[in-house]
Amino acid sequence: MVKGLLVGLGIMLVCPLIPIAHFVLVPASPFIAGYWGISFARTGNRHYATEGLIYGSLLGLLFCLIGSAIALTVMTLWGTGQRLTVLMWIGIVVFTLYVGSMSTLGAMYSAMREQLRATRVSAMVEGLLVGLGIMLVCPFIPIAHVVLFPASPFIAGYYWGTSLARTGKRHYAIESLIYGSLLGLLVCLIGSAIALAVITLWGTQRFPVWLWIVVVVVSTLYVSSMSTLGGMYSALRAQQRAAREAAAESQPETGMNRG
């Protein structure tokens, strides 16, 4: 576990130093750290969700300790006003929760892929790409885009959930929640990259930073929740259909046995 935490921390320290790509890598670094770091800390004796939660919690705690040490050093050497002190500690709390949650998602996804590699190596990645493709195509359909564009996250989750429900590996709600969270994260990363590019090229006079933050956060939450609902509805329908088919097949056999 210690080795995995050090690897994750190293990834988070290296990502800001990569030119140009750091615009995307910095906000994604906790997820990347969880994805790769858990492979050095995995025991294989626990469920992937448990392993991911433990790893993400410890990495978030490590980040909190380092951030607190830096804040205390700054306060001791240079002194800070009350307002700056409050802002520093609020930032530490917010980034600790962000690092912990994102690294947990990354570790859970990595561990899940490892446990299901024999049967479903790239199903999640393919599902995310299909979902993203649906969301990109819907705005370009004439006339119907008025309805399809706001419904595109639900449609993306629905079509991915249909193929997912047939595996029967996990409860449909858990699978759909994981998919919706990852699709929302993907939208967040793309939106953040676009916002940073626009701000870098044209400044913040016409599009202030707070407006970009609101747009990215709202879009991420909307896509995540709607795609999760679409996946749940699709998987539930598939399970109900399979149950009806199984019941229909068992009825003739019951009649023959009675005869």
Protein backbone atom coordinates (compact mmCIF):
# COMPACT_ATOMS: atom_id res chain seq x y z
CA MET A 1 0.00 0.00 0.00
CA VAL A 2 2.83 2.41 0.83
CA LYS A 3 4.41 1.84 -2.58
CA GLY A 4 1.08 2.43 -4.31
CA LEU A 5 0.53 5.69 -2.39
CA LEU A 6 4.02 6.93 -3.31
CA VAL A 7 3.41 6.08 -6.98
CA GLY A 8 0.08 7.96 -6.90
CA LEU A 9 1.67 10.96 -5.19
CA GLY A 10 4.48 10.95 -7.74
CA ILE A 11 1.98 10.99 -10.61
CA MET A 12 0.18 13.97 -9.09
CA LEU A 13 3.50 15.83 -8.73
CA VAL A 14 4.68 15.06 -12.28
CA CYS A 15 1.45 15.94 -14.15
CA PRO A 16 1.72 19.75 -13.60
CA LEU A 17 5.23 19.70 -15.13
CA ILE A 18 4.16 18.33 -18.53
CA PRO A 19 3.88 21.25 -21.02
CA ILE A 20 0.53 21.98 -22.71
CA ALA A 21 -1.00 18.67 -21.57
CA HIS A 22 -0.91 19.87 -17.95
CA PHE A 23 -4.19 21.74 -18.61
CA VAL A 24 -5.92 18.36 -18.76
CA LEU A 25 -3.53 16.26 -16.67
CA VAL A 26 -3.61 18.41 -13.52
CA PRO A 27 -7.37 18.07 -12.84
CA ALA A 28 -7.21 14.41 -13.96
CA SER A 29 -4.06 13.56 -11.98
CA PRO A 30 -5.89 12.12 -8.90
CA PHE A 31 -7.90 9.78 -11.15
CA ILE A 32 -4.72 8.75 -13.01
CA ALA A 33 -2.93 8.29 -9.68
CA GLY A 34 -5.69 6.02 -8.43
CA TYR A 35 -5.80 4.09 -11.69
CA TRP A 36 -2.08 3.28 -11.74
CA GLY A 37 -1.27 3.45 -8.04
CA ILE A 38 -3.77 0.78 -7.01
CA SER A 39 -1.91 -1.76 -9.16
CA PHE A 40 1.02 -1.48 -6.74
CA ALA A 41 -1.22 -1.75 -3.68
CA ARG A 42 -3.76 -4.35 -4.76
CA THR A 43 -4.00 -7.52 -2.68
CA GLY A 44 -6.67 -9.32 -4.73
CA ASN A 45 -8.41 -10.49 -1.56
CA ARG A 46 -11.04 -7.74 -1.43
CA HIS A 47 -13.77 -6.40 -3.70
CA TYR A 48 -12.58 -3.75 -6.13
CA ALA A 49 -14.86 -1.13 -4.52
CA THR A 50 -13.34 -1.78 -1.09
CA GLU A 51 -9.80 -1.62 -2.41
CA GLY A 52 -10.51 1.58 -4.32
CA LEU A 53 -12.14 3.23 -1.30
CA ILE A 54 -9.25 2.34 1.00
CA TYR A 55 -6.65 3.57 -1.48
CA GLY A 56 -8.51 6.80 -2.25
CA SER A 57 -9.03 7.56 1.45
CA LEU A 58 -5.34 7.04 2.26
CA LEU A 59 -4.17 9.11 -0.72
CA GLY A 60 -6.57 11.90 0.27
CA LEU A 61 -5.25 11.72 3.85
CA LEU A 62 -1.66 11.89 2.58
CA PHE A 63 -2.50 14.94 0.47
CA CYS A 64 -4.20 16.54 3.48
CA LEU A 65 -1.12 16.02 5.66
CA ILE A 66 1.24 17.46 3.03
CA GLY A 67 -1.06 20.43 2.35
CA SER A 68 -1.44 21.11 6.08
CA ALA A 69 2.33 20.99 6.57
CA ILE A 70 2.85 23.48 3.72
CA ALA A 71 0.13 25.80 5.08
CA LEU A 72 1.59 25.73 8.60
CA THR A 73 5.07 26.43 7.22
CA VAL A 74 3.82 29.44 5.25
CA MET A 75 1.93 30.75 8.27
CA THR A 76 4.97 30.35 10.51
CA LEU A 77 7.62 31.85 8.21
CA TRP A 78 5.74 34.65 6.48
CA GLY A 79 2.55 35.09 8.44
CA THR A 80 -0.88 35.32 6.86
CA GLY A 81 -3.93 37.41 7.47
CA GLN A 82 -7.13 35.91 8.79
CA ARG A 83 -8.79 35.90 5.38
CA LEU A 84 -5.86 34.17 3.67
CA THR A 85 -5.62 31.62 6.47
CA VAL A 86 -9.30 30.72 6.10
CA LEU A 87 -8.94 30.44 2.33
CA MET A 88 -5.91 28.16 2.67
CA TRP A 89 -7.68 25.75 5.00
CA ILE A 90 -10.84 25.76 2.87
CA GLY A 91 -8.66 24.95 -0.14
CA ILE A 92 -6.99 22.09 1.71
CA VAL A 93 -10.34 20.59 2.69
CA VAL A 94 -11.81 20.95 -0.83
CA PHE A 95 -8.75 19.51 -2.60
CA THR A 96 -8.49 16.69 -0.06
CA LEU A 97 -12.06 15.64 -0.84
CA TYR A 98 -11.38 16.02 -4.57
CA VAL A 99 -8.19 13.95 -4.47
CA GLY A 100 -9.82 11.31 -2.29
CA SER A 101 -12.95 10.93 -4.43
CA MET A 102 -11.21 11.06 -7.82
CA SER A 103 -8.44 8.64 -6.80
CA THR A 104 -11.11 6.32 -5.39
CA LEU A 105 -12.91 6.32 -8.75
CA GLY A 106 -9.64 5.71 -10.59
CA ALA A 107 -8.64 2.89 -8.27
CA MET A 108 -12.10 1.31 -8.43
CA TYR A 109 -12.10 1.43 -12.21
CA SER A 110 -8.59 -0.03 -12.41
CA ALA A 111 -9.36 -2.82 -9.94
CA MET A 112 -12.69 -3.55 -11.65
CA ARG A 113 -10.98 -3.87 -15.03
CA GLU A 114 -8.38 -6.19 -13.54
CA GLN A 115 -10.99 -8.44 -11.95
CA LEU A 116 -13.09 -8.57 -15.14
CA ARG A 117 -10.22 -8.63 -17.64
CA ALA A 118 -10.90 -12.23 -18.61
CA THR A 119 -14.46 -11.50 -19.78
CA ARG A 120 -14.80 -7.76 -20.39
CA VAL A 121 -11.45 -6.11 -21.07
CA SER A 122 -12.59 -2.96 -22.85
CA ALA A 123 -16.37 -2.84 -22.33
CA MET A 124 -16.29 0.27 -20.13
CA VAL A 125 -13.95 2.18 -22.44
CA GLU A 126 -16.03 1.25 -25.47
CA GLY A 127 -19.19 2.25 -23.63
CA LEU A 128 -17.74 5.65 -22.72
CA LEU A 129 -16.63 6.27 -26.29
CA VAL A 130 -20.04 5.24 -27.64
CA GLY A 131 -21.78 7.46 -25.12
CA LEU A 132 -19.54 10.40 -25.95
CA GLY A 133 -20.12 9.82 -29.66
CA ILE A 134 -23.90 9.85 -29.19
CA MET A 135 -23.67 13.12 -27.26
CA LEU A 136 -21.53 14.68 -30.00
CA VAL A 137 -23.78 13.53 -32.86
CA CYS A 138 -27.17 14.51 -31.39
CA PRO A 139 -26.68 18.33 -31.69
CA PHE A 140 -26.07 18.01 -35.45
CA ILE A 141 -29.34 16.23 -36.31
CA PRO A 142 -31.62 18.82 -37.98
CA ILE A 143 -34.87 19.77 -36.20
CA ALA A 144 -34.71 16.77 -33.84
CA HIS A 145 -31.65 18.25 -32.10
CA VAL A 146 -34.04 20.41 -30.06
CA VAL A 147 -35.11 17.25 -28.22
CA LEU A 148 -32.10 14.99 -28.78
CA PHE A 149 -29.45 17.37 -27.46
CA PRO A 150 -30.79 17.65 -23.88
CA ALA A 151 -31.73 13.94 -23.95
CA SER A 152 -28.37 12.77 -25.33
CA PRO A 153 -26.83 11.81 -21.94
CA PHE A 154 -29.88 9.64 -21.15
CA ILE A 155 -29.70 8.06 -24.63
CA ALA A 156 -25.95 7.44 -24.18
CA GLY A 157 -26.56 5.63 -20.89
CA TYR A 158 -29.52 3.73 -22.29
CA TYR A 159 -27.70 2.14 -25.23
CA TRP A 160 -24.61 1.33 -23.18
CA GLY A 161 -26.75 -0.11 -20.38
CA THR A 162 -28.49 -2.49 -22.77
CA SER A 163 -25.30 -4.33 -23.66
CA LEU A 164 -24.09 -4.14 -20.07
CA ALA A 165 -27.17 -5.69 -18.48
CA ARG A 166 -26.63 -8.95 -20.38
CA THR A 167 -23.39 -9.70 -18.52
CA GLY A 168 -25.17 -10.30 -15.20
CA LYS A 169 -21.96 -9.69 -13.27
CA ARG A 170 -23.20 -6.96 -10.93
CA HIS A 171 -26.39 -5.17 -9.96
CA TYR A 172 -27.54 -2.86 -12.71
CA ALA A 173 -27.65 0.16 -10.37
CA ILE A 174 -23.97 -0.20 -9.44
CA GLU A 175 -22.88 -0.63 -13.06
CA SER A 176 -24.94 2.35 -14.20
CA LEU A 177 -23.64 4.54 -11.38
CA ILE A 178 -20.04 3.74 -12.29
CA TYR A 179 -20.70 4.42 -15.96
CA GLY A 180 -22.51 7.70 -15.27
CA SER A 181 -19.72 8.89 -12.96
CA LEU A 182 -17.02 8.12 -15.51
CA LEU A 183 -18.94 9.70 -18.38
CA GLY A 184 -19.50 12.81 -16.27
CA LEU A 185 -15.78 12.86 -15.44
CA LEU A 186 -14.94 12.62 -19.14
CA VAL A 187 -17.24 15.56 -19.92
CA CYS A 188 -15.69 17.51 -17.04
CA LEU A 189 -12.18 16.96 -18.38
CA ILE A 190 -13.15 17.94 -21.93
CA GLY A 191 -15.06 20.99 -20.72
CA SER A 192 -12.17 22.06 -18.48
CA ALA A 193 -9.72 21.72 -21.35
CA ILE A 194 -11.93 23.85 -23.62
CA ALA A 195 -12.40 26.48 -20.91
CA LEU A 196 -8.67 26.70 -20.21
CA ALA A 197 -7.89 26.97 -23.92
CA VAL A 198 -10.44 29.78 -24.42
CA ILE A 199 -9.24 31.64 -21.33
CA THR A 200 -5.60 31.31 -22.42
CA LEU A 201 -6.24 32.51 -25.97
CA TRP A 202 -8.90 35.19 -25.49
CA GLY A 203 -8.78 36.09 -21.80
CA THR A 204 -11.67 36.40 -19.34
CA GLN A 205 -13.26 39.69 -20.37
CA ARG A 206 -16.10 38.18 -22.41
CA PHE A 207 -16.27 34.86 -20.56
CA PRO A 208 -15.29 35.21 -16.88
CA VAL A 209 -13.76 32.30 -15.00
CA TRP A 210 -16.73 31.87 -12.65
CA LEU A 211 -19.05 31.43 -15.63
CA TRP A 212 -16.87 28.65 -17.06
CA ILE A 213 -16.76 26.93 -13.66
CA VAL A 214 -20.56 27.04 -13.36
CA VAL A 215 -21.04 25.71 -16.91
CA VAL A 216 -18.55 22.84 -16.44
CA VAL A 217 -19.92 21.82 -13.03
CA VAL A 218 -23.58 21.93 -14.12
CA SER A 219 -22.84 20.06 -17.36
CA THR A 220 -20.88 17.40 -15.49
CA LEU A 221 -23.63 16.81 -12.93
CA TYR A 222 -26.32 16.77 -15.64
CA VAL A 223 -24.48 14.30 -17.88
CA SER A 224 -23.57 12.05 -14.95
CA SER A 225 -27.09 11.89 -13.51
CA MET A 226 -28.91 11.52 -16.84
CA SER A 227 -26.56 8.83 -18.19
CA THR A 228 -26.85 6.94 -14.89
CA LEU A 229 -30.65 7.02 -15.14
CA GLY A 230 -30.50 5.90 -18.78
CA GLY A 231 -28.25 2.98 -17.91
CA MET A 232 -30.44 1.94 -14.97
CA TYR A 233 -33.62 2.07 -17.04
CA SER A 234 -32.08 0.13 -19.90
CA ALA A 235 -30.56 -2.55 -17.67
CA LEU A 236 -33.77 -2.89 -15.68
CA ARG A 237 -35.79 -3.39 -18.87
CA ALA A 238 -33.30 -6.00 -20.10
CA GLN A 239 -33.49 -7.92 -16.82
CA GLN A 240 -37.29 -7.82 -16.83
CA ARG A 241 -37.34 -9.03 -20.44
CA ALA A 242 -35.01 -11.91 -19.57
CA ALA A 243 -37.18 -12.84 -16.60
CA ARG A 244 -40.33 -12.91 -18.78
CA GLU A 245 -38.59 -15.05 -21.39
CA ALA A 246 -37.40 -17.48 -18.70
CA ALA A 247 -40.92 -17.68 -17.25
CA ALA A 248 -42.41 -18.29 -20.70
CA GLU A 249 -39.95 -21.11 -21.36
CA SER A 250 -40.66 -22.76 -18.02
CA GLN A 251 -44.46 -22.83 -18.51
CA PRO A 252 -44.51 -25.49 -21.30
CA GLU A 253 -42.12 -27.66 -19.32
CA THR A 254 -44.39 -27.42 -16.27
CA GLY A 255 -47.40 -28.42 -18.40
CA MET A 256 -45.55 -31.43 -19.85
CA ASN A 257 -44.49 -32.59 -16.39
CA ARG A 258 -48.08 -32.44 -15.13
CA GLY A 259 -49.27 -34.37 -18.18
